[in-house]
Amino acid sequence: MLRLARHLVVFGALAAAVPAAAASKPVSTTFTISGREYAFTSTHGLFAGTGAGNRGGTAYWNASVKHDKLSSNPAYVNGGSVALTVRNGGISVDAIVGTFARRGGTISALDRGANCTNQKYLVTGRLERVLTTSTSGGTGSLSVTLTHFRHRILGRCVAYKATVSGSVTFAY
């Protein structure tokens, strides 16, 4: 919740700097996204990247996904948040923030990565309390493929990076 509050403060300050004419909900409702996992524990992943809207706009996004251990199949999404900063045509900027519903999504193995090969997971989540600079009370959903890149080093299987690609959709 503290992370969501920080996102709202940052995006609120950003929105205050935008001219009033530009402070409307983003034109796009679906964004194709891709990015990387930049920090993780066994039950929490942090991701960031870029995206493009279905009706225009470039997005920079960040997500925090709290979940069961990935040894569960499926593992449940237990909270977290998604935040996007959206630029439409270089003249307007908006923000979208939403929280994952508790047990409102799953992480399912697509490929467990036998013999230290790459692992793939389907991550889905239902978003609630979606806010923009001009709307509140929206909903959304996220669906991405998470890939853990792995290699055997000194006899141990080590994940050395992780990427995500997919989409996030909002109803404001």
N, C-alpha and C. Protein backbone atom coordinates (compact mmCIF):
# COMPACT_ATOMS: atom_id res chain seq x y z
N MET A 1 0.81 -1.18 0.00
CA MET A 1 0.00 0.00 0.00
C MET A 1 0.86 1.25 0.00
N LEU A 2 1.99 1.20 0.72
CA LEU A 2 2.90 2.33 0.74
C LEU A 2 3.45 2.59 -0.65
N ARG A 3 3.77 1.52 -1.39
CA ARG A 3 4.27 1.66 -2.76
C ARG A 3 3.21 2.34 -3.63
N LEU A 4 1.94 1.93 -3.52
CA LEU A 4 0.87 2.55 -4.28
C LEU A 4 0.75 4.02 -3.94
N ALA A 5 0.87 4.35 -2.66
CA ALA A 5 0.80 5.76 -2.24
C ALA A 5 1.94 6.56 -2.87
N ARG A 6 3.14 5.96 -2.92
CA ARG A 6 4.27 6.66 -3.55
C ARG A 6 4.01 6.88 -5.03
N HIS A 7 3.45 5.86 -5.72
CA HIS A 7 3.12 6.01 -7.14
C HIS A 7 2.12 7.15 -7.33
N LEU A 8 1.11 7.20 -6.46
CA LEU A 8 0.10 8.24 -6.59
C LEU A 8 0.69 9.62 -6.38
N VAL A 9 1.61 9.77 -5.44
CA VAL A 9 2.25 11.06 -5.22
C VAL A 9 3.06 11.48 -6.44
N VAL A 10 3.85 10.55 -6.98
CA VAL A 10 4.66 10.86 -8.16
C VAL A 10 3.77 11.20 -9.34
N PHE A 11 2.76 10.37 -9.59
CA PHE A 11 1.90 10.62 -10.73
C PHE A 11 1.03 11.86 -10.51
N GLY A 12 0.66 12.13 -9.27
CA GLY A 12 -0.09 13.35 -8.98
C GLY A 12 0.72 14.59 -9.29
N ALA A 13 1.99 14.57 -8.92
CA ALA A 13 2.87 15.71 -9.22
C ALA A 13 3.05 15.85 -10.72
N LEU A 14 3.19 14.73 -11.42
CA LEU A 14 3.32 14.77 -12.87
C LEU A 14 2.06 15.35 -13.50
N ALA A 15 0.91 14.90 -13.04
CA ALA A 15 -0.35 15.38 -13.59
C ALA A 15 -0.55 16.87 -13.33
N ALA A 16 -0.10 17.35 -12.20
CA ALA A 16 -0.23 18.77 -11.88
C ALA A 16 0.57 19.63 -12.84
N ALA A 17 1.62 19.08 -13.40
CA ALA A 17 2.46 19.83 -14.33
C ALA A 17 1.90 19.83 -15.75
N VAL A 18 0.88 19.01 -16.02
CA VAL A 18 0.28 18.91 -17.35
C VAL A 18 -0.81 19.97 -17.48
N PRO A 19 -0.92 20.66 -18.63
CA PRO A 19 -1.98 21.63 -18.83
C PRO A 19 -3.34 20.99 -18.63
N ALA A 20 -4.31 21.77 -18.17
CA ALA A 20 -5.64 21.26 -17.87
C ALA A 20 -6.28 20.58 -19.07
N ALA A 21 -6.07 21.09 -20.27
CA ALA A 21 -6.66 20.50 -21.47
C ALA A 21 -6.16 19.09 -21.71
N ALA A 22 -4.97 18.78 -21.25
CA ALA A 22 -4.40 17.47 -21.48
C ALA A 22 -4.75 16.48 -20.38
N ALA A 23 -5.32 16.94 -19.27
CA ALA A 23 -5.60 16.08 -18.13
C ALA A 23 -6.92 15.35 -18.33
N SER A 24 -6.95 14.37 -19.24
CA SER A 24 -8.10 13.53 -19.44
C SER A 24 -7.63 12.09 -19.42
N LYS A 25 -8.59 11.17 -19.36
CA LYS A 25 -8.18 9.77 -19.30
C LYS A 25 -7.43 9.39 -20.58
N PRO A 26 -6.49 8.46 -20.48
CA PRO A 26 -5.73 8.05 -21.65
C PRO A 26 -6.64 7.52 -22.76
N VAL A 27 -6.28 7.80 -24.00
CA VAL A 27 -7.07 7.36 -25.15
C VAL A 27 -7.11 5.84 -25.23
N SER A 28 -5.97 5.18 -25.00
CA SER A 28 -5.90 3.73 -25.10
C SER A 28 -6.42 3.06 -23.84
N THR A 29 -7.00 1.89 -24.02
CA THR A 29 -7.44 1.08 -22.88
C THR A 29 -6.65 -0.21 -22.76
N THR A 30 -5.95 -0.60 -23.82
CA THR A 30 -5.10 -1.79 -23.80
C THR A 30 -3.70 -1.39 -24.21
N PHE A 31 -2.71 -1.90 -23.50
CA PHE A 31 -1.31 -1.61 -23.78
C PHE A 31 -0.57 -2.93 -23.96
N THR A 32 0.16 -3.04 -25.06
CA THR A 32 1.09 -4.15 -25.25
C THR A 32 2.35 -3.76 -24.51
N ILE A 33 2.79 -4.61 -23.58
CA ILE A 33 3.92 -4.25 -22.72
C ILE A 33 5.04 -5.29 -22.81
N SER A 34 6.24 -4.82 -22.53
CA SER A 34 7.39 -5.72 -22.39
C SER A 34 8.35 -5.09 -21.40
N GLY A 35 9.15 -5.91 -20.77
CA GLY A 35 10.08 -5.38 -19.79
C GLY A 35 10.88 -6.47 -19.12
N ARG A 36 11.49 -6.10 -18.01
CA ARG A 36 12.37 -7.00 -17.25
C ARG A 36 12.02 -7.02 -15.78
N GLU A 37 12.34 -8.13 -15.16
CA GLU A 37 12.25 -8.22 -13.71
C GLU A 37 13.56 -7.65 -13.16
N TYR A 38 13.45 -6.65 -12.27
CA TYR A 38 14.67 -6.02 -11.76
C TYR A 38 14.95 -6.36 -10.30
N ALA A 39 14.03 -7.00 -9.62
CA ALA A 39 14.26 -7.46 -8.25
C ALA A 39 13.23 -8.55 -7.94
N PHE A 40 13.60 -9.48 -7.04
CA PHE A 40 12.66 -10.55 -6.72
C PHE A 40 13.04 -11.23 -5.41
N THR A 41 12.03 -11.85 -4.82
CA THR A 41 12.21 -12.83 -3.76
C THR A 41 11.41 -14.05 -4.21
N SER A 42 11.29 -15.06 -3.38
CA SER A 42 10.53 -16.24 -3.79
C SER A 42 9.03 -15.97 -3.88
N THR A 43 8.56 -14.84 -3.33
CA THR A 43 7.13 -14.52 -3.34
C THR A 43 6.81 -13.10 -3.79
N HIS A 44 7.76 -12.43 -4.44
CA HIS A 44 7.52 -11.04 -4.84
C HIS A 44 8.44 -10.69 -6.01
N GLY A 45 7.87 -10.16 -7.08
CA GLY A 45 8.67 -9.73 -8.22
C GLY A 45 8.40 -8.27 -8.55
N LEU A 46 9.45 -7.55 -8.97
CA LEU A 46 9.33 -6.15 -9.38
C LEU A 46 9.75 -6.06 -10.84
N PHE A 47 8.92 -5.41 -11.66
CA PHE A 47 9.11 -5.37 -13.10
C PHE A 47 8.98 -3.94 -13.61
N ALA A 48 9.63 -3.65 -14.73
CA ALA A 48 9.49 -2.34 -15.38
C ALA A 48 9.74 -2.51 -16.86
N GLY A 49 9.17 -1.59 -17.65
CA GLY A 49 9.39 -1.66 -19.09
C GLY A 49 8.63 -0.58 -19.82
N THR A 50 8.40 -0.84 -21.10
CA THR A 50 7.70 0.10 -21.98
C THR A 50 6.52 -0.59 -22.62
N GLY A 51 5.66 0.22 -23.24
CA GLY A 51 4.51 -0.34 -23.92
C GLY A 51 3.93 0.63 -24.92
N ALA A 52 2.96 0.12 -25.69
CA ALA A 52 2.27 0.93 -26.69
C ALA A 52 0.78 0.70 -26.56
N GLY A 53 0.01 1.80 -26.65
CA GLY A 53 -1.44 1.72 -26.52
C GLY A 53 -2.12 1.29 -27.80
N ASN A 54 -3.29 0.67 -27.67
CA ASN A 54 -4.05 0.20 -28.83
C ASN A 54 -4.60 1.35 -29.67
N ARG A 55 -4.72 2.54 -29.10
CA ARG A 55 -5.20 3.71 -29.85
C ARG A 55 -4.20 4.85 -29.75
N GLY A 56 -2.95 4.50 -29.57
CA GLY A 56 -1.90 5.50 -29.48
C GLY A 56 -1.36 5.63 -28.08
N GLY A 57 -0.23 6.27 -27.99
CA GLY A 57 0.38 6.51 -26.70
C GLY A 57 1.51 5.55 -26.40
N THR A 58 2.53 6.09 -25.78
CA THR A 58 3.67 5.32 -25.32
C THR A 58 3.60 5.24 -23.80
N ALA A 59 3.83 4.07 -23.26
CA ALA A 59 3.73 3.87 -21.82
C ALA A 59 5.06 3.42 -21.24
N TYR A 60 5.35 3.92 -20.06
CA TYR A 60 6.44 3.43 -19.23
C TYR A 60 5.75 2.87 -18.00
N TRP A 61 6.06 1.64 -17.64
CA TRP A 61 5.30 0.99 -16.58
C TRP A 61 6.21 0.35 -15.54
N ASN A 62 5.60 0.11 -14.39
CA ASN A 62 6.26 -0.56 -13.28
C ASN A 62 5.21 -1.43 -12.60
N ALA A 63 5.60 -2.63 -12.19
CA ALA A 63 4.65 -3.51 -11.50
C ALA A 63 5.33 -4.20 -10.33
N SER A 64 4.55 -4.40 -9.29
CA SER A 64 4.95 -5.16 -8.12
C SER A 64 3.95 -6.31 -8.01
N VAL A 65 4.44 -7.55 -8.08
CA VAL A 65 3.54 -8.71 -8.05
C VAL A 65 3.89 -9.58 -6.85
N LYS A 66 2.95 -9.67 -5.90
CA LYS A 66 3.12 -10.55 -4.74
C LYS A 66 2.40 -11.86 -5.06
N HIS A 67 3.05 -12.99 -4.76
CA HIS A 67 2.50 -14.27 -5.19
C HIS A 67 2.95 -15.41 -4.29
N ASP A 68 2.26 -16.55 -4.42
CA ASP A 68 2.69 -17.78 -3.77
C ASP A 68 4.02 -18.20 -4.39
N LYS A 69 4.73 -19.14 -3.75
CA LYS A 69 5.96 -19.67 -4.34
C LYS A 69 5.63 -20.34 -5.67
N LEU A 70 6.54 -20.19 -6.62
CA LEU A 70 6.29 -20.71 -7.96
C LEU A 70 6.28 -22.23 -8.02
N SER A 71 6.67 -22.91 -6.94
CA SER A 71 6.59 -24.37 -6.91
C SER A 71 5.13 -24.83 -6.86
N SER A 72 4.21 -23.95 -6.45
CA SER A 72 2.77 -24.25 -6.51
C SER A 72 2.34 -24.08 -7.96
N ASN A 73 1.46 -24.94 -8.44
CA ASN A 73 0.97 -24.76 -9.81
C ASN A 73 -0.54 -24.94 -9.83
N PRO A 74 -1.32 -23.89 -9.94
CA PRO A 74 -0.81 -22.54 -10.15
C PRO A 74 -0.44 -21.87 -8.83
N ALA A 75 0.39 -20.85 -8.93
CA ALA A 75 0.68 -19.98 -7.79
C ALA A 75 -0.31 -18.81 -7.90
N TYR A 76 -0.85 -18.37 -6.78
CA TYR A 76 -1.82 -17.28 -6.81
C TYR A 76 -1.15 -15.93 -6.65
N VAL A 77 -1.67 -14.94 -7.37
CA VAL A 77 -1.25 -13.55 -7.20
C VAL A 77 -1.97 -13.04 -5.96
N ASN A 78 -1.22 -12.51 -4.99
CA ASN A 78 -1.78 -12.11 -3.69
C ASN A 78 -1.73 -10.61 -3.44
N GLY A 79 -1.51 -9.82 -4.45
CA GLY A 79 -1.47 -8.37 -4.27
C GLY A 79 -0.37 -7.75 -5.10
N GLY A 80 -0.21 -6.46 -4.91
CA GLY A 80 0.77 -5.70 -5.66
C GLY A 80 0.09 -4.60 -6.44
N SER A 81 0.82 -4.00 -7.38
CA SER A 81 0.26 -2.88 -8.13
C SER A 81 0.89 -2.77 -9.51
N VAL A 82 0.21 -2.06 -10.38
CA VAL A 82 0.70 -1.71 -11.71
C VAL A 82 0.54 -0.21 -11.87
N ALA A 83 1.57 0.44 -12.40
CA ALA A 83 1.51 1.89 -12.64
C ALA A 83 2.09 2.18 -14.01
N LEU A 84 1.39 3.01 -14.79
CA LEU A 84 1.86 3.41 -16.11
C LEU A 84 1.87 4.93 -16.20
N THR A 85 2.87 5.46 -16.85
CA THR A 85 2.88 6.85 -17.28
C THR A 85 2.70 6.80 -18.78
N VAL A 86 1.68 7.51 -19.30
CA VAL A 86 1.33 7.42 -20.71
C VAL A 86 1.53 8.78 -21.37
N ARG A 87 2.24 8.78 -22.48
CA ARG A 87 2.44 10.00 -23.28
C ARG A 87 1.69 9.80 -24.59
N ASN A 88 0.76 10.71 -24.89
CA ASN A 88 0.01 10.66 -26.13
C ASN A 88 0.47 11.77 -27.06
N GLY A 89 1.12 11.41 -28.14
CA GLY A 89 1.52 12.37 -29.15
C GLY A 89 2.47 13.46 -28.69
N GLY A 90 3.15 13.27 -27.60
CA GLY A 90 4.11 14.25 -27.15
C GLY A 90 3.51 15.48 -26.48
N ILE A 91 2.16 15.59 -26.44
CA ILE A 91 1.58 16.79 -25.85
C ILE A 91 0.82 16.53 -24.55
N SER A 92 0.38 15.31 -24.33
CA SER A 92 -0.33 15.05 -23.09
C SER A 92 0.30 13.88 -22.35
N VAL A 93 0.25 13.95 -21.05
CA VAL A 93 0.80 12.91 -20.20
C VAL A 93 -0.28 12.54 -19.19
N ASP A 94 -0.43 11.26 -18.94
CA ASP A 94 -1.38 10.81 -17.93
C ASP A 94 -0.76 9.64 -17.18
N ALA A 95 -1.42 9.24 -16.14
CA ALA A 95 -0.96 8.14 -15.32
C ALA A 95 -2.12 7.19 -15.08
N ILE A 96 -1.80 5.92 -14.97
CA ILE A 96 -2.78 4.89 -14.63
C ILE A 96 -2.17 4.06 -13.52
N VAL A 97 -2.92 3.85 -12.45
CA VAL A 97 -2.46 3.06 -11.32
C VAL A 97 -3.58 2.11 -10.92
N GLY A 98 -3.25 0.85 -10.67
CA GLY A 98 -4.22 -0.12 -10.19
C GLY A 98 -3.57 -1.12 -9.27
N THR A 99 -4.37 -1.79 -8.45
CA THR A 99 -3.85 -2.80 -7.54
C THR A 99 -4.37 -4.18 -7.93
N PHE A 100 -3.54 -5.21 -7.71
CA PHE A 100 -3.98 -6.57 -7.97
C PHE A 100 -4.93 -7.01 -6.88
N ALA A 101 -6.03 -7.62 -7.29
CA ALA A 101 -6.98 -8.18 -6.33
C ALA A 101 -6.33 -9.39 -5.66
N ARG A 102 -6.56 -9.54 -4.37
CA ARG A 102 -5.99 -10.68 -3.65
C ARG A 102 -6.58 -11.96 -4.21
N ARG A 103 -5.69 -12.89 -4.56
CA ARG A 103 -6.05 -14.16 -5.20
C ARG A 103 -6.88 -13.92 -6.46
N GLY A 104 -6.61 -12.79 -7.11
CA GLY A 104 -7.32 -12.42 -8.33
C GLY A 104 -6.53 -12.74 -9.58
N GLY A 105 -5.57 -13.62 -9.46
CA GLY A 105 -4.78 -13.99 -10.63
C GLY A 105 -3.93 -15.21 -10.32
N THR A 106 -3.29 -15.73 -11.36
CA THR A 106 -2.47 -16.93 -11.19
C THR A 106 -1.16 -16.80 -11.97
N ILE A 107 -0.20 -17.61 -11.56
CA ILE A 107 1.05 -17.80 -12.28
C ILE A 107 1.14 -19.29 -12.55
N SER A 108 1.00 -19.65 -13.83
CA SER A 108 0.96 -21.06 -14.23
C SER A 108 2.17 -21.41 -15.08
N ALA A 109 2.76 -22.55 -14.81
CA ALA A 109 3.93 -22.99 -15.57
C ALA A 109 3.54 -23.36 -16.99
N LEU A 110 4.22 -22.77 -17.96
CA LEU A 110 4.09 -23.17 -19.36
C LEU A 110 5.21 -24.12 -19.74
N ASP A 111 6.39 -23.89 -19.16
CA ASP A 111 7.57 -24.75 -19.37
C ASP A 111 8.41 -24.64 -18.11
N ARG A 112 8.56 -25.74 -17.37
CA ARG A 112 9.31 -25.75 -16.11
C ARG A 112 10.82 -25.65 -16.30
N GLY A 113 11.31 -25.82 -17.52
CA GLY A 113 12.74 -25.67 -17.77
C GLY A 113 13.57 -26.85 -17.32
N ALA A 114 13.26 -28.04 -17.84
CA ALA A 114 14.01 -29.25 -17.49
C ALA A 114 15.49 -29.07 -17.84
N ASN A 115 16.35 -29.66 -17.03
CA ASN A 115 17.80 -29.65 -17.25
C ASN A 115 18.37 -28.24 -17.38
N CYS A 116 17.85 -27.33 -16.57
CA CYS A 116 18.35 -25.95 -16.49
C CYS A 116 18.15 -25.16 -17.79
N THR A 117 17.06 -25.46 -18.50
CA THR A 117 16.70 -24.63 -19.65
C THR A 117 15.80 -23.51 -19.15
N ASN A 118 15.46 -22.58 -20.03
CA ASN A 118 14.64 -21.44 -19.63
C ASN A 118 13.26 -21.89 -19.17
N GLN A 119 12.72 -21.17 -18.19
CA GLN A 119 11.39 -21.43 -17.67
C GLN A 119 10.42 -20.38 -18.22
N LYS A 120 9.17 -20.81 -18.48
CA LYS A 120 8.15 -19.86 -18.92
C LYS A 120 6.90 -20.04 -18.06
N TYR A 121 6.30 -18.89 -17.70
CA TYR A 121 5.09 -18.87 -16.89
C TYR A 121 4.08 -17.92 -17.51
N LEU A 122 2.81 -18.25 -17.40
CA LEU A 122 1.73 -17.34 -17.77
C LEU A 122 1.28 -16.65 -16.49
N VAL A 123 1.37 -15.32 -16.47
CA VAL A 123 0.96 -14.53 -15.31
C VAL A 123 -0.31 -13.77 -15.68
N THR A 124 -1.39 -14.01 -14.93
CA THR A 124 -2.63 -13.26 -15.15
C THR A 124 -3.04 -12.62 -13.84
N GLY A 125 -3.68 -11.48 -13.94
CA GLY A 125 -4.13 -10.81 -12.73
C GLY A 125 -5.29 -9.88 -13.00
N ARG A 126 -6.18 -9.80 -12.03
CA ARG A 126 -7.32 -8.88 -12.09
C ARG A 126 -6.96 -7.63 -11.30
N LEU A 127 -7.15 -6.46 -11.93
CA LEU A 127 -6.83 -5.19 -11.30
C LEU A 127 -8.09 -4.52 -10.79
N GLU A 128 -7.97 -3.88 -9.65
CA GLU A 128 -9.08 -3.12 -9.08
C GLU A 128 -8.56 -1.75 -8.64
N ARG A 129 -9.48 -0.88 -8.29
CA ARG A 129 -9.13 0.49 -7.85
C ARG A 129 -8.21 1.17 -8.87
N VAL A 130 -8.55 1.04 -10.16
CA VAL A 130 -7.78 1.68 -11.22
C VAL A 130 -8.09 3.17 -11.23
N LEU A 131 -7.02 3.98 -11.19
CA LEU A 131 -7.14 5.43 -11.18
C LEU A 131 -6.36 6.03 -12.34
N THR A 132 -6.87 7.13 -12.90
CA THR A 132 -6.11 7.97 -13.81
C THR A 132 -6.14 9.36 -13.19
N THR A 133 -5.58 10.35 -13.87
CA THR A 133 -5.62 11.70 -13.31
C THR A 133 -7.02 12.30 -13.35
N SER A 134 -7.94 11.67 -14.10
CA SER A 134 -9.29 12.23 -14.18
C SER A 134 -10.40 11.23 -13.85
N THR A 135 -10.05 9.98 -13.53
CA THR A 135 -11.07 8.97 -13.22
C THR A 135 -10.64 8.15 -12.01
N SER A 136 -11.60 7.45 -11.43
CA SER A 136 -11.30 6.53 -10.33
C SER A 136 -12.31 5.39 -10.37
N GLY A 137 -11.99 4.32 -9.66
CA GLY A 137 -12.93 3.20 -9.53
C GLY A 137 -12.94 2.25 -10.71
N GLY A 138 -11.93 2.31 -11.57
CA GLY A 138 -11.90 1.42 -12.72
C GLY A 138 -11.39 0.03 -12.38
N THR A 139 -11.37 -0.81 -13.40
CA THR A 139 -10.88 -2.18 -13.25
C THR A 139 -9.89 -2.47 -14.39
N GLY A 140 -9.31 -3.65 -14.36
CA GLY A 140 -8.40 -4.01 -15.42
C GLY A 140 -7.93 -5.44 -15.30
N SER A 141 -7.08 -5.82 -16.23
CA SER A 141 -6.50 -7.16 -16.21
C SER A 141 -5.12 -7.13 -16.85
N LEU A 142 -4.30 -8.06 -16.43
CA LEU A 142 -2.94 -8.19 -16.95
C LEU A 142 -2.73 -9.63 -17.37
N SER A 143 -2.07 -9.82 -18.50
CA SER A 143 -1.71 -11.15 -18.96
C SER A 143 -0.36 -11.06 -19.65
N VAL A 144 0.67 -11.68 -19.05
CA VAL A 144 2.02 -11.64 -19.60
C VAL A 144 2.67 -13.01 -19.51
N THR A 145 3.64 -13.22 -20.37
CA THR A 145 4.49 -14.39 -20.28
C THR A 145 5.78 -13.97 -19.61
N LEU A 146 6.11 -14.65 -18.52
CA LEU A 146 7.34 -14.41 -17.77
C LEU A 146 8.34 -15.50 -18.17
N THR A 147 9.52 -15.08 -18.60
CA THR A 147 10.57 -16.03 -18.97
C THR A 147 11.77 -15.84 -18.06
N HIS A 148 12.16 -16.91 -17.37
CA HIS A 148 13.39 -16.92 -16.57
C HIS A 148 14.48 -17.53 -17.45
N PHE A 149 15.53 -16.77 -17.74
CA PHE A 149 16.66 -17.26 -18.51
C PHE A 149 17.65 -17.90 -17.54
N ARG A 150 18.03 -19.15 -17.80
CA ARG A 150 18.86 -19.89 -16.86
C ARG A 150 20.05 -20.53 -17.57
N HIS A 151 21.10 -20.73 -16.78
CA HIS A 151 22.31 -21.37 -17.30
C HIS A 151 23.01 -22.08 -16.14
N ARG A 152 23.65 -23.17 -16.43
CA ARG A 152 24.37 -23.92 -15.41
C ARG A 152 25.75 -23.28 -15.21
N ILE A 153 26.04 -22.87 -13.98
CA ILE A 153 27.33 -22.26 -13.63
C ILE A 153 27.89 -23.00 -12.42
N LEU A 154 29.09 -23.56 -12.58
CA LEU A 154 29.76 -24.31 -11.51
C LEU A 154 28.84 -25.37 -10.92
N GLY A 155 28.10 -26.05 -11.80
CA GLY A 155 27.24 -27.15 -11.38
C GLY A 155 25.89 -26.74 -10.82
N ARG A 156 25.61 -25.45 -10.74
CA ARG A 156 24.32 -24.98 -10.21
C ARG A 156 23.53 -24.30 -11.31
N CYS A 157 22.23 -24.47 -11.29
CA CYS A 157 21.34 -23.82 -12.25
C CYS A 157 21.03 -22.41 -11.73
N VAL A 158 21.40 -21.40 -12.51
CA VAL A 158 21.26 -20.00 -12.08
C VAL A 158 20.40 -19.24 -13.07
N ALA A 159 19.37 -18.56 -12.55
CA ALA A 159 18.57 -17.65 -13.38
C ALA A 159 19.34 -16.33 -13.43
N TYR A 160 19.68 -15.88 -14.63
CA TYR A 160 20.50 -14.67 -14.75
C TYR A 160 19.72 -13.46 -15.24
N LYS A 161 18.50 -13.65 -15.75
CA LYS A 161 17.63 -12.52 -16.07
C LYS A 161 16.23 -13.05 -16.28
N ALA A 162 15.25 -12.15 -16.25
CA ALA A 162 13.86 -12.52 -16.50
C ALA A 162 13.19 -11.40 -17.29
N THR A 163 12.38 -11.79 -18.27
CA THR A 163 11.64 -10.82 -19.07
C THR A 163 10.16 -11.12 -19.02
N VAL A 164 9.36 -10.11 -19.35
CA VAL A 164 7.91 -10.29 -19.47
C VAL A 164 7.45 -9.63 -20.77
N SER A 165 6.41 -10.19 -21.37
CA SER A 165 5.77 -9.56 -22.51
C SER A 165 4.32 -10.01 -22.53
N GLY A 166 3.45 -9.08 -22.91
CA GLY A 166 2.02 -9.38 -22.94
C GLY A 166 1.21 -8.11 -23.01
N SER A 167 0.13 -8.05 -22.23
CA SER A 167 -0.74 -6.87 -22.29
C SER A 167 -1.38 -6.58 -20.95
N VAL A 168 -1.79 -5.33 -20.82
CA VAL A 168 -2.58 -4.88 -19.67
C VAL A 168 -3.75 -4.07 -20.24
N THR A 169 -4.95 -4.33 -19.73
CA THR A 169 -6.17 -3.68 -20.22
C THR A 169 -6.88 -3.00 -19.06
N PHE A 170 -7.44 -1.83 -19.33
CA PHE A 170 -8.13 -1.05 -18.30
C PHE A 170 -9.54 -0.67 -18.76
N ALA A 171 -10.42 -0.53 -17.78
CA ALA A 171 -11.76 0.06 -18.00
C ALA A 171 -11.84 1.20 -16.99
N TYR A 172 -11.79 2.46 -17.48
CA TYR A 172 -11.83 3.60 -16.58
C TYR A 172 -13.23 4.17 -16.54
